[in-house]
Amino acid sequence: MRRWLPLLVVCLAGNVPGCAPRATLPSSSPQSVALPPTRLTRLDGSPTDLPSALGGRAALVSFWATWCTSCVDEIESLERLDARIRTRGDAIVVAVAVGETPQTVAAFARERGITYALLVDEDFQLADALGQRRVPATLVVAPGGRIVHRAGALDADSLMAFRAAMGASGKPVAWVDAPSSTARAPSDRSDLTTAGAASGQEQAAPEPAR
């Protein structure tokens, strides 16, 4: 085991050098890839993986952390989206907490009343497999398990991509709203600390090392 390391928020609201927006992968892109069957954990501690959790459904997948203010700001939008698509049966909203324990995420979910699906990537295995080094981050997965869109914070483009992925099932798709809050720049775990957006103070967010 290597040492536990904190995570760094390097981009705050506004234009910051070196904080370019993440690229989007359209469904026709040759870069679109299948989800890896990397081990994740449910909140009850049982193992799973993302392809199994999605079960062939179209999905909007949010990578997040409980300490990430921008991630927490997305909870209301994700709840609203989940409520709209829950009865379809062919689509799902899933949030993958990165670098935290199931116990921490479960306690946070109870406190916040989160009802959409939550999984945990405690050791960064899925994040590393996908080269996903920032939170919040958004993936859209088409039915069958191929990633067709990648972005940072949840935005209108991500919702449009999700709507298109749901449409691939042939079922009518009700419109889904853009997030109610303005998306902030994502945070980067490469420098392994977090910076408070308002105060500039650092917060420790340990990363269990392998």
N, C-alpha and C. Protein backbone atom coordinates (compact mmCIF):
# COMPACT_ATOMS: atom_id res chain seq x y z
N MET A 1 0.84 -1.20 0.00
CA MET A 1 0.00 0.00 0.00
C MET A 1 0.88 1.25 0.00
N ARG A 2 0.62 2.17 -0.90
CA ARG A 2 1.34 3.42 -0.81
C ARG A 2 0.60 4.33 0.15
N ARG A 3 1.16 5.48 0.39
CA ARG A 3 0.56 6.39 1.35
C ARG A 3 -0.77 6.93 0.86
N TRP A 4 -1.60 7.29 1.83
CA TRP A 4 -2.85 7.98 1.47
C TRP A 4 -2.51 9.38 1.02
N LEU A 5 -3.07 9.78 -0.09
CA LEU A 5 -2.74 11.08 -0.67
C LEU A 5 -4.00 11.90 -0.85
N PRO A 6 -3.92 13.24 -0.63
CA PRO A 6 -5.09 14.09 -0.85
C PRO A 6 -5.25 14.46 -2.31
N LEU A 7 -6.38 15.06 -2.64
CA LEU A 7 -6.73 15.43 -4.01
C LEU A 7 -6.73 16.95 -4.16
N LEU A 8 -6.39 17.44 -5.35
CA LEU A 8 -6.27 18.88 -5.57
C LEU A 8 -7.31 19.43 -6.52
N VAL A 9 -8.01 20.47 -6.11
CA VAL A 9 -8.86 21.23 -7.01
C VAL A 9 -7.98 22.32 -7.63
N VAL A 10 -7.69 22.22 -8.91
CA VAL A 10 -6.81 23.19 -9.54
C VAL A 10 -7.58 24.24 -10.31
N CYS A 11 -8.86 24.01 -10.56
CA CYS A 11 -9.63 24.97 -11.35
C CYS A 11 -10.80 25.48 -10.54
N LEU A 12 -10.91 26.78 -10.43
CA LEU A 12 -12.04 27.39 -9.76
C LEU A 12 -12.91 28.05 -10.80
N ALA A 13 -14.00 28.68 -10.36
CA ALA A 13 -14.90 29.31 -11.32
C ALA A 13 -14.16 30.39 -12.10
N GLY A 14 -14.51 30.48 -13.39
CA GLY A 14 -13.88 31.48 -14.24
C GLY A 14 -12.82 30.86 -15.10
N ASN A 15 -12.09 31.69 -15.82
CA ASN A 15 -11.05 31.24 -16.72
C ASN A 15 -9.74 31.12 -15.98
N VAL A 16 -9.20 29.92 -15.92
CA VAL A 16 -7.94 29.68 -15.24
C VAL A 16 -6.99 29.04 -16.23
N PRO A 17 -5.76 29.55 -16.37
CA PRO A 17 -4.82 28.94 -17.32
C PRO A 17 -4.64 27.46 -17.02
N GLY A 18 -4.60 26.67 -18.07
CA GLY A 18 -4.41 25.23 -17.92
C GLY A 18 -5.65 24.46 -17.60
N CYS A 19 -6.81 25.13 -17.55
CA CYS A 19 -8.06 24.48 -17.20
C CYS A 19 -8.99 24.46 -18.40
N ALA A 20 -8.55 23.91 -19.49
CA ALA A 20 -9.37 23.85 -20.70
C ALA A 20 -10.50 22.87 -20.51
N PRO A 21 -11.67 23.10 -21.14
CA PRO A 21 -12.79 22.15 -21.02
C PRO A 21 -12.41 20.80 -21.56
N ARG A 22 -13.02 19.76 -20.99
CA ARG A 22 -12.79 18.41 -21.49
C ARG A 22 -13.45 18.20 -22.82
N ALA A 23 -12.85 17.32 -23.62
CA ALA A 23 -13.41 17.03 -24.93
C ALA A 23 -14.64 16.15 -24.80
N THR A 24 -15.55 16.29 -25.75
CA THR A 24 -16.74 15.47 -25.83
C THR A 24 -16.55 14.42 -26.91
N LEU A 25 -16.94 13.19 -26.62
CA LEU A 25 -16.84 12.12 -27.59
C LEU A 25 -18.21 11.82 -28.16
N PRO A 26 -18.53 12.24 -29.37
CA PRO A 26 -19.83 11.93 -29.96
C PRO A 26 -19.94 10.45 -30.25
N SER A 27 -21.18 9.98 -30.47
CA SER A 27 -21.41 8.55 -30.66
C SER A 27 -20.70 8.00 -31.88
N SER A 28 -20.43 8.86 -32.86
CA SER A 28 -19.78 8.38 -34.07
C SER A 28 -18.26 8.38 -33.95
N SER A 29 -17.74 8.85 -32.82
CA SER A 29 -16.31 8.99 -32.68
C SER A 29 -15.62 7.64 -32.61
N PRO A 30 -14.49 7.47 -33.31
CA PRO A 30 -13.75 6.22 -33.20
C PRO A 30 -13.12 6.05 -31.82
N GLN A 31 -13.11 7.14 -31.02
CA GLN A 31 -12.55 7.05 -29.68
C GLN A 31 -13.55 6.49 -28.68
N SER A 32 -14.81 6.36 -29.04
CA SER A 32 -15.78 5.80 -28.10
C SER A 32 -15.38 4.38 -27.78
N VAL A 33 -15.44 4.02 -26.51
CA VAL A 33 -14.93 2.74 -26.06
C VAL A 33 -15.95 2.03 -25.18
N ALA A 34 -15.78 0.73 -25.06
CA ALA A 34 -16.64 -0.05 -24.18
C ALA A 34 -16.22 0.16 -22.73
N LEU A 35 -17.19 0.13 -21.83
CA LEU A 35 -16.88 0.24 -20.41
C LEU A 35 -16.06 -0.97 -19.95
N PRO A 36 -15.00 -0.74 -19.21
CA PRO A 36 -14.23 -1.88 -18.68
C PRO A 36 -14.98 -2.52 -17.50
N PRO A 37 -14.87 -3.83 -17.34
CA PRO A 37 -15.53 -4.51 -16.21
C PRO A 37 -14.71 -4.40 -14.93
N THR A 38 -14.30 -3.19 -14.60
CA THR A 38 -13.46 -2.95 -13.43
C THR A 38 -14.29 -3.05 -12.15
N ARG A 39 -13.70 -3.61 -11.12
CA ARG A 39 -14.43 -3.84 -9.88
C ARG A 39 -14.81 -2.54 -9.20
N LEU A 40 -16.09 -2.43 -8.82
CA LEU A 40 -16.61 -1.35 -8.00
C LEU A 40 -17.29 -1.96 -6.78
N THR A 41 -17.76 -1.10 -5.90
CA THR A 41 -18.41 -1.57 -4.68
C THR A 41 -19.75 -0.87 -4.50
N ARG A 42 -20.77 -1.64 -4.14
CA ARG A 42 -22.05 -1.05 -3.76
C ARG A 42 -21.95 -0.48 -2.35
N LEU A 43 -22.93 0.31 -1.95
CA LEU A 43 -22.88 0.93 -0.62
C LEU A 43 -22.96 -0.09 0.50
N ASP A 44 -23.48 -1.28 0.20
CA ASP A 44 -23.52 -2.33 1.23
C ASP A 44 -22.23 -3.13 1.29
N GLY A 45 -21.24 -2.74 0.48
CA GLY A 45 -19.95 -3.42 0.49
C GLY A 45 -19.81 -4.55 -0.50
N SER A 46 -20.87 -4.92 -1.19
CA SER A 46 -20.79 -6.02 -2.14
C SER A 46 -20.16 -5.56 -3.45
N PRO A 47 -19.45 -6.47 -4.13
CA PRO A 47 -18.75 -6.08 -5.36
C PRO A 47 -19.68 -6.07 -6.57
N THR A 48 -19.35 -5.24 -7.53
CA THR A 48 -20.05 -5.20 -8.81
C THR A 48 -19.10 -4.57 -9.81
N ASP A 49 -19.58 -4.28 -11.00
CA ASP A 49 -18.84 -3.49 -11.98
C ASP A 49 -19.86 -2.66 -12.75
N LEU A 50 -19.37 -1.67 -13.47
CA LEU A 50 -20.30 -0.74 -14.10
C LEU A 50 -21.13 -1.38 -15.20
N PRO A 51 -20.55 -2.21 -16.10
CA PRO A 51 -21.40 -2.86 -17.09
C PRO A 51 -22.53 -3.68 -16.46
N SER A 52 -22.25 -4.38 -15.39
CA SER A 52 -23.29 -5.17 -14.71
C SER A 52 -24.35 -4.27 -14.11
N ALA A 53 -23.92 -3.16 -13.50
CA ALA A 53 -24.87 -2.25 -12.86
C ALA A 53 -25.78 -1.59 -13.89
N LEU A 54 -25.25 -1.30 -15.07
CA LEU A 54 -26.06 -0.66 -16.10
C LEU A 54 -26.99 -1.65 -16.78
N GLY A 55 -26.60 -2.90 -16.87
CA GLY A 55 -27.47 -3.93 -17.42
C GLY A 55 -27.91 -3.66 -18.85
N GLY A 56 -27.03 -3.08 -19.66
CA GLY A 56 -27.37 -2.83 -21.06
C GLY A 56 -28.20 -1.60 -21.30
N ARG A 57 -28.48 -0.83 -20.25
CA ARG A 57 -29.30 0.37 -20.39
C ARG A 57 -28.46 1.59 -20.78
N ALA A 58 -29.09 2.55 -21.41
CA ALA A 58 -28.46 3.85 -21.59
C ALA A 58 -28.22 4.45 -20.20
N ALA A 59 -27.11 5.16 -20.05
CA ALA A 59 -26.78 5.65 -18.71
C ALA A 59 -26.09 7.00 -18.76
N LEU A 60 -26.38 7.81 -17.76
CA LEU A 60 -25.59 8.99 -17.47
C LEU A 60 -24.82 8.67 -16.19
N VAL A 61 -23.50 8.68 -16.30
CA VAL A 61 -22.63 8.30 -15.18
C VAL A 61 -21.87 9.53 -14.71
N SER A 62 -22.00 9.84 -13.44
CA SER A 62 -21.32 10.99 -12.85
C SER A 62 -20.21 10.51 -11.93
N PHE A 63 -18.98 10.95 -12.17
CA PHE A 63 -17.87 10.71 -11.25
C PHE A 63 -17.82 11.89 -10.28
N TRP A 64 -17.75 11.59 -8.98
CA TRP A 64 -17.87 12.64 -7.99
C TRP A 64 -17.15 12.26 -6.70
N ALA A 65 -17.16 13.18 -5.75
CA ALA A 65 -16.64 12.91 -4.41
C ALA A 65 -17.42 13.77 -3.42
N THR A 66 -17.56 13.28 -2.22
CA THR A 66 -18.37 13.99 -1.22
C THR A 66 -17.75 15.32 -0.83
N TRP A 67 -16.43 15.44 -0.94
CA TRP A 67 -15.74 16.67 -0.56
C TRP A 67 -15.75 17.73 -1.66
N CYS A 68 -16.19 17.36 -2.85
CA CYS A 68 -16.13 18.23 -4.03
C CYS A 68 -17.38 19.11 -4.10
N THR A 69 -17.22 20.40 -3.89
CA THR A 69 -18.36 21.32 -3.86
C THR A 69 -19.12 21.32 -5.18
N SER A 70 -18.40 21.32 -6.30
CA SER A 70 -19.06 21.32 -7.60
C SER A 70 -19.86 20.04 -7.81
N CYS A 71 -19.35 18.92 -7.29
CA CYS A 71 -20.09 17.65 -7.39
C CYS A 71 -21.38 17.71 -6.59
N VAL A 72 -21.30 18.25 -5.39
CA VAL A 72 -22.47 18.35 -4.53
C VAL A 72 -23.53 19.24 -5.17
N ASP A 73 -23.07 20.27 -5.88
CA ASP A 73 -24.00 21.17 -6.56
C ASP A 73 -24.82 20.45 -7.63
N GLU A 74 -24.33 19.32 -8.14
CA GLU A 74 -25.03 18.58 -9.19
C GLU A 74 -26.10 17.63 -8.67
N ILE A 75 -26.13 17.39 -7.36
CA ILE A 75 -27.03 16.37 -6.80
C ILE A 75 -28.48 16.66 -7.16
N GLU A 76 -28.92 17.90 -7.01
CA GLU A 76 -30.32 18.23 -7.29
C GLU A 76 -30.67 17.94 -8.75
N SER A 77 -29.77 18.29 -9.68
CA SER A 77 -30.03 18.03 -11.10
C SER A 77 -30.08 16.54 -11.39
N LEU A 78 -29.18 15.78 -10.77
CA LEU A 78 -29.17 14.33 -10.98
C LEU A 78 -30.43 13.69 -10.41
N GLU A 79 -30.88 14.17 -9.26
CA GLU A 79 -32.13 13.66 -8.68
C GLU A 79 -33.31 13.93 -9.61
N ARG A 80 -33.37 15.13 -10.14
CA ARG A 80 -34.46 15.48 -11.04
C ARG A 80 -34.43 14.62 -12.30
N LEU A 81 -33.25 14.42 -12.84
CA LEU A 81 -33.11 13.60 -14.04
C LEU A 81 -33.49 12.15 -13.75
N ASP A 82 -33.03 11.62 -12.63
CA ASP A 82 -33.36 10.25 -12.26
C ASP A 82 -34.86 10.06 -12.10
N ALA A 83 -35.52 11.04 -11.49
CA ALA A 83 -36.98 10.94 -11.31
C ALA A 83 -37.71 10.89 -12.64
N ARG A 84 -37.17 11.58 -13.64
CA ARG A 84 -37.84 11.62 -14.95
C ARG A 84 -37.68 10.33 -15.74
N ILE A 85 -36.56 9.63 -15.54
CA ILE A 85 -36.30 8.45 -16.39
C ILE A 85 -36.46 7.12 -15.66
N ARG A 86 -36.74 7.17 -14.37
CA ARG A 86 -36.73 5.95 -13.55
C ARG A 86 -37.72 4.91 -14.02
N THR A 87 -38.89 5.34 -14.48
CA THR A 87 -39.92 4.38 -14.86
C THR A 87 -39.74 3.83 -16.28
N ARG A 88 -38.77 4.34 -17.03
CA ARG A 88 -38.58 3.88 -18.41
C ARG A 88 -38.10 2.42 -18.46
N GLY A 89 -37.18 2.08 -17.58
CA GLY A 89 -36.64 0.73 -17.57
C GLY A 89 -35.48 0.51 -18.51
N ASP A 90 -35.22 1.48 -19.42
CA ASP A 90 -34.14 1.32 -20.38
C ASP A 90 -33.04 2.36 -20.20
N ALA A 91 -33.08 3.10 -19.08
CA ALA A 91 -32.10 4.14 -18.82
C ALA A 91 -31.88 4.27 -17.31
N ILE A 92 -30.70 4.76 -16.94
CA ILE A 92 -30.36 4.84 -15.52
C ILE A 92 -29.38 5.99 -15.29
N VAL A 93 -29.47 6.59 -14.11
CA VAL A 93 -28.49 7.57 -13.64
C VAL A 93 -27.67 6.90 -12.55
N VAL A 94 -26.35 6.93 -12.70
CA VAL A 94 -25.45 6.31 -11.73
C VAL A 94 -24.35 7.30 -11.37
N ALA A 95 -24.06 7.43 -10.09
CA ALA A 95 -22.94 8.26 -9.64
C ALA A 95 -21.88 7.35 -9.02
N VAL A 96 -20.65 7.51 -9.46
CA VAL A 96 -19.53 6.72 -8.96
C VAL A 96 -18.65 7.61 -8.10
N ALA A 97 -18.64 7.35 -6.79
CA ALA A 97 -17.81 8.12 -5.87
C ALA A 97 -16.37 7.60 -5.96
N VAL A 98 -15.44 8.51 -6.16
CA VAL A 98 -14.05 8.14 -6.41
C VAL A 98 -13.19 8.41 -5.18
N GLY A 99 -12.42 7.38 -4.77
CA GLY A 99 -11.44 7.55 -3.71
C GLY A 99 -12.01 7.63 -2.31
N GLU A 100 -13.22 7.12 -2.10
CA GLU A 100 -13.83 7.16 -0.78
C GLU A 100 -14.38 5.78 -0.42
N THR A 101 -14.67 5.57 0.85
CA THR A 101 -15.17 4.28 1.29
C THR A 101 -16.68 4.19 1.11
N PRO A 102 -17.23 2.97 0.98
CA PRO A 102 -18.68 2.83 0.92
C PRO A 102 -19.38 3.41 2.15
N GLN A 103 -18.74 3.29 3.30
CA GLN A 103 -19.36 3.81 4.52
C GLN A 103 -19.48 5.33 4.48
N THR A 104 -18.45 6.01 3.99
CA THR A 104 -18.48 7.46 3.89
C THR A 104 -19.57 7.91 2.93
N VAL A 105 -19.64 7.25 1.77
CA VAL A 105 -20.61 7.63 0.75
C VAL A 105 -22.02 7.32 1.22
N ALA A 106 -22.22 6.18 1.89
CA ALA A 106 -23.54 5.81 2.38
C ALA A 106 -24.05 6.83 3.41
N ALA A 107 -23.17 7.25 4.31
CA ALA A 107 -23.57 8.24 5.31
C ALA A 107 -23.93 9.57 4.66
N PHE A 108 -23.14 9.97 3.66
CA PHE A 108 -23.42 11.22 2.95
C PHE A 108 -24.74 11.13 2.19
N ALA A 109 -24.99 9.97 1.57
CA ALA A 109 -26.22 9.79 0.80
C ALA A 109 -27.44 9.85 1.71
N ARG A 110 -27.34 9.25 2.90
CA ARG A 110 -28.45 9.32 3.86
C ARG A 110 -28.71 10.76 4.28
N GLU A 111 -27.65 11.48 4.56
CA GLU A 111 -27.79 12.87 5.01
C GLU A 111 -28.42 13.75 3.94
N ARG A 112 -28.04 13.51 2.68
CA ARG A 112 -28.52 14.33 1.57
C ARG A 112 -29.81 13.79 0.94
N GLY A 113 -30.22 12.59 1.31
CA GLY A 113 -31.42 12.00 0.74
C GLY A 113 -31.26 11.62 -0.72
N ILE A 114 -30.09 11.17 -1.11
CA ILE A 114 -29.84 10.79 -2.51
C ILE A 114 -30.54 9.47 -2.81
N THR A 115 -31.27 9.43 -3.92
CA THR A 115 -32.03 8.22 -4.27
C THR A 115 -31.57 7.56 -5.56
N TYR A 116 -30.76 8.24 -6.38
CA TYR A 116 -30.26 7.59 -7.59
C TYR A 116 -29.15 6.60 -7.23
N ALA A 117 -28.79 5.76 -8.19
CA ALA A 117 -27.85 4.67 -7.93
C ALA A 117 -26.46 5.21 -7.61
N LEU A 118 -25.84 4.65 -6.57
CA LEU A 118 -24.51 5.06 -6.14
C LEU A 118 -23.58 3.85 -6.09
N LEU A 119 -22.39 4.01 -6.65
CA LEU A 119 -21.34 3.01 -6.58
C LEU A 119 -20.06 3.69 -6.11
N VAL A 120 -19.08 2.88 -5.69
CA VAL A 120 -17.85 3.42 -5.12
C VAL A 120 -16.64 2.84 -5.84
N ASP A 121 -15.75 3.73 -6.26
CA ASP A 121 -14.46 3.35 -6.86
C ASP A 121 -13.38 3.75 -5.87
N GLU A 122 -13.30 2.99 -4.79
CA GLU A 122 -12.48 3.40 -3.65
C GLU A 122 -11.01 3.52 -4.00
N ASP A 123 -10.49 2.62 -4.82
CA ASP A 123 -9.06 2.60 -5.14
C ASP A 123 -8.74 3.18 -6.52
N PHE A 124 -9.67 3.93 -7.08
CA PHE A 124 -9.45 4.60 -8.38
C PHE A 124 -9.26 3.62 -9.54
N GLN A 125 -9.70 2.39 -9.39
CA GLN A 125 -9.47 1.42 -10.45
C GLN A 125 -10.21 1.78 -11.74
N LEU A 126 -11.49 2.14 -11.62
CA LEU A 126 -12.24 2.51 -12.82
C LEU A 126 -11.77 3.86 -13.36
N ALA A 127 -11.56 4.82 -12.47
CA ALA A 127 -11.08 6.13 -12.91
C ALA A 127 -9.77 6.00 -13.67
N ASP A 128 -8.87 5.19 -13.17
CA ASP A 128 -7.59 5.00 -13.85
C ASP A 128 -7.77 4.26 -15.17
N ALA A 129 -8.65 3.26 -15.20
CA ALA A 129 -8.88 2.50 -16.43
C ALA A 129 -9.42 3.39 -17.54
N LEU A 130 -10.20 4.41 -17.15
CA LEU A 130 -10.79 5.31 -18.13
C LEU A 130 -9.94 6.56 -18.35
N GLY A 131 -8.85 6.70 -17.60
CA GLY A 131 -8.06 7.92 -17.68
C GLY A 131 -8.81 9.13 -17.17
N GLN A 132 -9.73 8.88 -16.22
CA GLN A 132 -10.59 9.94 -15.70
C GLN A 132 -9.95 10.52 -14.45
N ARG A 133 -9.37 11.71 -14.56
CA ARG A 133 -8.59 12.28 -13.46
C ARG A 133 -9.23 13.52 -12.86
N ARG A 134 -10.49 13.81 -13.21
CA ARG A 134 -11.13 15.00 -12.68
C ARG A 134 -12.53 14.70 -12.18
N VAL A 135 -12.94 15.44 -11.15
CA VAL A 135 -14.32 15.42 -10.69
C VAL A 135 -14.78 16.86 -10.53
N PRO A 136 -16.05 17.16 -10.83
CA PRO A 136 -17.02 16.22 -11.39
C PRO A 136 -16.70 15.91 -12.84
N ALA A 137 -17.12 14.73 -13.26
CA ALA A 137 -16.99 14.32 -14.66
C ALA A 137 -18.23 13.54 -15.04
N THR A 138 -18.58 13.61 -16.32
CA THR A 138 -19.81 13.00 -16.80
C THR A 138 -19.53 12.11 -17.99
N LEU A 139 -20.07 10.90 -17.95
CA LEU A 139 -20.04 9.99 -19.10
C LEU A 139 -21.47 9.70 -19.52
N VAL A 140 -21.68 9.56 -20.81
CA VAL A 140 -22.93 9.02 -21.32
C VAL A 140 -22.61 7.70 -21.99
N VAL A 141 -23.35 6.68 -21.61
CA VAL A 141 -23.12 5.32 -22.12
C VAL A 141 -24.35 4.89 -22.91
N ALA A 142 -24.13 4.42 -24.12
CA ALA A 142 -25.22 3.96 -24.97
C ALA A 142 -25.66 2.56 -24.55
N PRO A 143 -26.87 2.15 -24.92
CA PRO A 143 -27.29 0.77 -24.65
C PRO A 143 -26.25 -0.19 -25.24
N GLY A 144 -25.86 -1.17 -24.47
CA GLY A 144 -24.81 -2.08 -24.92
C GLY A 144 -23.47 -1.77 -24.32
N GLY A 145 -23.30 -0.59 -23.68
CA GLY A 145 -22.11 -0.36 -22.87
C GLY A 145 -20.97 0.42 -23.49
N ARG A 146 -21.21 1.18 -24.57
CA ARG A 146 -20.14 1.98 -25.14
C ARG A 146 -20.28 3.44 -24.69
N ILE A 147 -19.15 4.03 -24.28
CA ILE A 147 -19.13 5.44 -23.90
C ILE A 147 -19.23 6.28 -25.17
N VAL A 148 -20.23 7.16 -25.23
CA VAL A 148 -20.44 7.97 -26.43
C VAL A 148 -20.26 9.46 -26.16
N HIS A 149 -20.05 9.83 -24.90
CA HIS A 149 -19.89 11.25 -24.57
C HIS A 149 -19.10 11.35 -23.28
N ARG A 150 -18.12 12.25 -23.26
CA ARG A 150 -17.36 12.53 -22.04
C ARG A 150 -17.30 14.03 -21.85
N ALA A 151 -17.49 14.47 -20.61
CA ALA A 151 -17.46 15.90 -20.30
C ALA A 151 -17.04 16.08 -18.86
N GLY A 152 -16.92 17.33 -18.46
CA GLY A 152 -16.64 17.64 -17.07
C GLY A 152 -17.93 17.70 -16.29
N ALA A 153 -18.24 18.87 -15.75
CA ALA A 153 -19.48 19.02 -14.98
C ALA A 153 -20.70 18.78 -15.88
N LEU A 154 -21.77 18.32 -15.26
CA LEU A 154 -23.02 18.07 -15.98
C LEU A 154 -23.49 19.34 -16.67
N ASP A 155 -23.79 19.23 -17.97
CA ASP A 155 -24.23 20.40 -18.72
C ASP A 155 -25.27 20.00 -19.76
N ALA A 156 -25.73 20.97 -20.53
CA ALA A 156 -26.78 20.71 -21.51
C ALA A 156 -26.32 19.74 -22.59
N ASP A 157 -25.05 19.81 -22.99
CA ASP A 157 -24.55 18.90 -24.01
C ASP A 157 -24.60 17.45 -23.52
N SER A 158 -24.26 17.24 -22.25
CA SER A 158 -24.32 15.90 -21.69
C SER A 158 -25.75 15.37 -21.66
N LEU A 159 -26.70 16.24 -21.32
CA LEU A 159 -28.09 15.82 -21.29
C LEU A 159 -28.62 15.53 -22.69
N MET A 160 -28.18 16.30 -23.67
CA MET A 160 -28.56 16.02 -25.05
C MET A 160 -28.02 14.66 -25.50
N ALA A 161 -26.78 14.37 -25.12
CA ALA A 161 -26.18 13.08 -25.48
C ALA A 161 -26.92 11.94 -24.80
N PHE A 162 -27.34 12.14 -23.56
CA PHE A 162 -28.09 11.12 -22.83
C PHE A 162 -29.45 10.90 -23.49
N ARG A 163 -30.07 12.00 -23.88
CA ARG A 163 -31.36 11.89 -24.56
C ARG A 163 -31.22 11.10 -25.86
N ALA A 164 -30.15 11.35 -26.60
CA ALA A 164 -29.90 10.61 -27.84
C ALA A 164 -29.65 9.14 -27.56
N ALA A 165 -28.91 8.85 -26.48
CA ALA A 165 -28.65 7.46 -26.12
C ALA A 165 -29.93 6.74 -25.74
N MET A 166 -30.82 7.42 -25.00
CA MET A 166 -32.10 6.81 -24.66
C MET A 166 -32.95 6.58 -25.91
N GLY A 167 -32.85 7.50 -26.87
CA GLY A 167 -33.62 7.36 -28.10
C GLY A 167 -33.23 6.15 -28.90
N ALA A 168 -32.03 5.62 -28.68
CA ALA A 168 -31.58 4.44 -29.42
C ALA A 168 -32.42 3.21 -29.09
N SER A 169 -33.14 3.24 -27.96
CA SER A 169 -33.98 2.11 -27.58
C SER A 169 -35.28 2.06 -28.38
N GLY A 170 -35.61 3.17 -29.04
CA GLY A 170 -36.86 3.22 -29.80
C GLY A 170 -38.03 3.75 -29.01
N LYS A 171 -37.87 3.94 -27.68
CA LYS A 171 -38.95 4.49 -26.87
C LYS A 171 -38.98 6.02 -27.00
N PRO A 172 -40.16 6.64 -26.88
CA PRO A 172 -40.22 8.10 -26.87
C PRO A 172 -39.40 8.65 -25.71
N VAL A 173 -38.78 9.80 -25.93
CA VAL A 173 -37.92 10.40 -24.91
C VAL A 173 -38.48 11.75 -24.51
N ALA A 174 -38.88 11.90 -23.25
CA ALA A 174 -39.29 13.21 -22.75
C ALA A 174 -38.06 14.08 -22.59
N TRP A 175 -38.24 15.38 -22.75
CA TRP A 175 -37.12 16.31 -22.64
C TRP A 175 -36.57 16.30 -21.22
N VAL A 176 -35.25 16.41 -21.10
CA VAL A 176 -34.62 16.52 -19.79
C VAL A 176 -33.97 17.90 -19.69
N ASP A 177 -34.11 18.51 -18.52
CA ASP A 177 -33.65 19.88 -18.34
C ASP A 177 -32.15 19.96 -18.15
N ALA A 178 -31.61 21.12 -18.49
CA ALA A 178 -30.22 21.42 -18.16
C ALA A 178 -30.11 21.63 -16.66
N PRO A 179 -28.92 21.48 -16.10
CA PRO A 179 -28.75 21.71 -14.66
C PRO A 179 -29.20 23.10 -14.26
N SER A 180 -29.72 23.22 -13.05
CA SER A 180 -30.22 24.51 -12.59
C SER A 180 -29.09 25.44 -12.19
N SER A 181 -27.96 24.87 -11.79
CA SER A 181 -26.84 25.70 -11.36
C SER A 181 -25.78 25.77 -12.45
N THR A 182 -25.00 26.83 -12.42
CA THR A 182 -23.93 27.00 -13.40
C THR A 182 -22.79 26.06 -13.06
N ALA A 183 -22.36 25.29 -14.05
CA ALA A 183 -21.28 24.33 -13.82
C ALA A 183 -19.97 25.07 -13.58
N ARG A 184 -19.23 24.59 -12.59
CA ARG A 184 -17.93 25.15 -12.33
C ARG A 184 -16.85 24.27 -12.94
N ALA A 185 -15.65 24.77 -13.01
CA ALA A 185 -14.57 23.99 -13.60
C ALA A 185 -14.29 22.76 -12.75
N PRO A 186 -13.93 21.64 -13.38
CA PRO A 186 -13.66 20.43 -12.63
C PRO A 186 -12.37 20.51 -11.86
N SER A 187 -12.21 19.57 -10.91
CA SER A 187 -11.01 19.54 -10.11
C SER A 187 -10.12 18.39 -10.56
N ASP A 188 -8.83 18.55 -10.34
CA ASP A 188 -7.85 17.60 -10.84
C ASP A 188 -7.18 16.90 -9.67
N ARG A 189 -7.15 15.57 -9.68
CA ARG A 189 -6.53 14.87 -8.56
C ARG A 189 -5.05 14.62 -8.78
N SER A 190 -4.47 15.16 -9.86
CA SER A 190 -3.08 14.88 -10.15
C SER A 190 -2.14 15.47 -9.11
N ASP A 191 -2.51 16.62 -8.51
CA ASP A 191 -1.67 17.23 -7.49
C ASP A 191 -2.09 16.86 -6.07
N LEU A 192 -3.19 16.12 -5.96
CA LEU A 192 -3.52 15.40 -4.73
C LEU A 192 -3.82 16.24 -3.50
N THR A 193 -4.42 17.44 -3.68
CA THR A 193 -4.97 18.21 -2.57
C THR A 193 -6.22 18.88 -3.07
N THR A 194 -7.05 19.37 -2.17
CA THR A 194 -8.21 20.14 -2.60
C THR A 194 -8.10 21.55 -2.09
N ALA A 195 -8.53 22.49 -2.91
CA ALA A 195 -8.49 23.90 -2.52
C ALA A 195 -9.90 24.42 -2.40
N GLY A 196 -10.21 25.10 -1.29
CA GLY A 196 -11.54 25.67 -1.12
C GLY A 196 -11.75 26.81 -2.10
N ALA A 197 -12.84 26.77 -2.85
CA ALA A 197 -13.07 27.78 -3.88
C ALA A 197 -13.24 29.16 -3.28
N ALA A 198 -13.89 29.25 -2.12
CA ALA A 198 -14.15 30.56 -1.55
C ALA A 198 -12.97 31.06 -0.73
N SER A 199 -12.40 30.18 0.10
CA SER A 199 -11.40 30.62 1.05
C SER A 199 -9.98 30.44 0.56
N GLY A 200 -9.78 29.55 -0.42
CA GLY A 200 -8.43 29.24 -0.86
C GLY A 200 -7.73 28.26 0.07
N GLN A 201 -8.40 27.84 1.14
CA GLN A 201 -7.79 26.90 2.07
C GLN A 201 -7.85 25.49 1.51
N GLU A 202 -6.87 24.69 1.87
CA GLU A 202 -6.81 23.32 1.41
C GLU A 202 -7.59 22.40 2.33
N GLN A 203 -8.19 21.37 1.73
CA GLN A 203 -8.90 20.34 2.47
C GLN A 203 -8.21 19.03 2.17
N ALA A 204 -8.05 18.19 3.17
CA ALA A 204 -7.47 16.87 2.94
C ALA A 204 -8.57 15.94 2.44
N ALA A 205 -8.29 15.24 1.35
CA ALA A 205 -9.21 14.23 0.82
C ALA A 205 -8.38 13.03 0.45
N PRO A 206 -8.23 12.05 1.36
CA PRO A 206 -7.25 10.99 1.16
C PRO A 206 -7.58 10.08 0.02
N GLU A 207 -6.55 9.67 -0.69
CA GLU A 207 -6.66 8.68 -1.76
C GLU A 207 -5.97 7.41 -1.31
N PRO A 208 -6.70 6.30 -1.14
CA PRO A 208 -6.04 5.06 -0.78
C PRO A 208 -5.16 4.60 -1.93
N ALA A 209 -3.87 4.46 -1.68
CA ALA A 209 -2.95 4.12 -2.74
C ALA A 209 -2.82 2.62 -2.89
N ARG A 210 -2.38 2.25 -4.09
CA ARG A 210 -2.18 0.84 -4.35
C ARG A 210 -0.72 0.49 -4.28
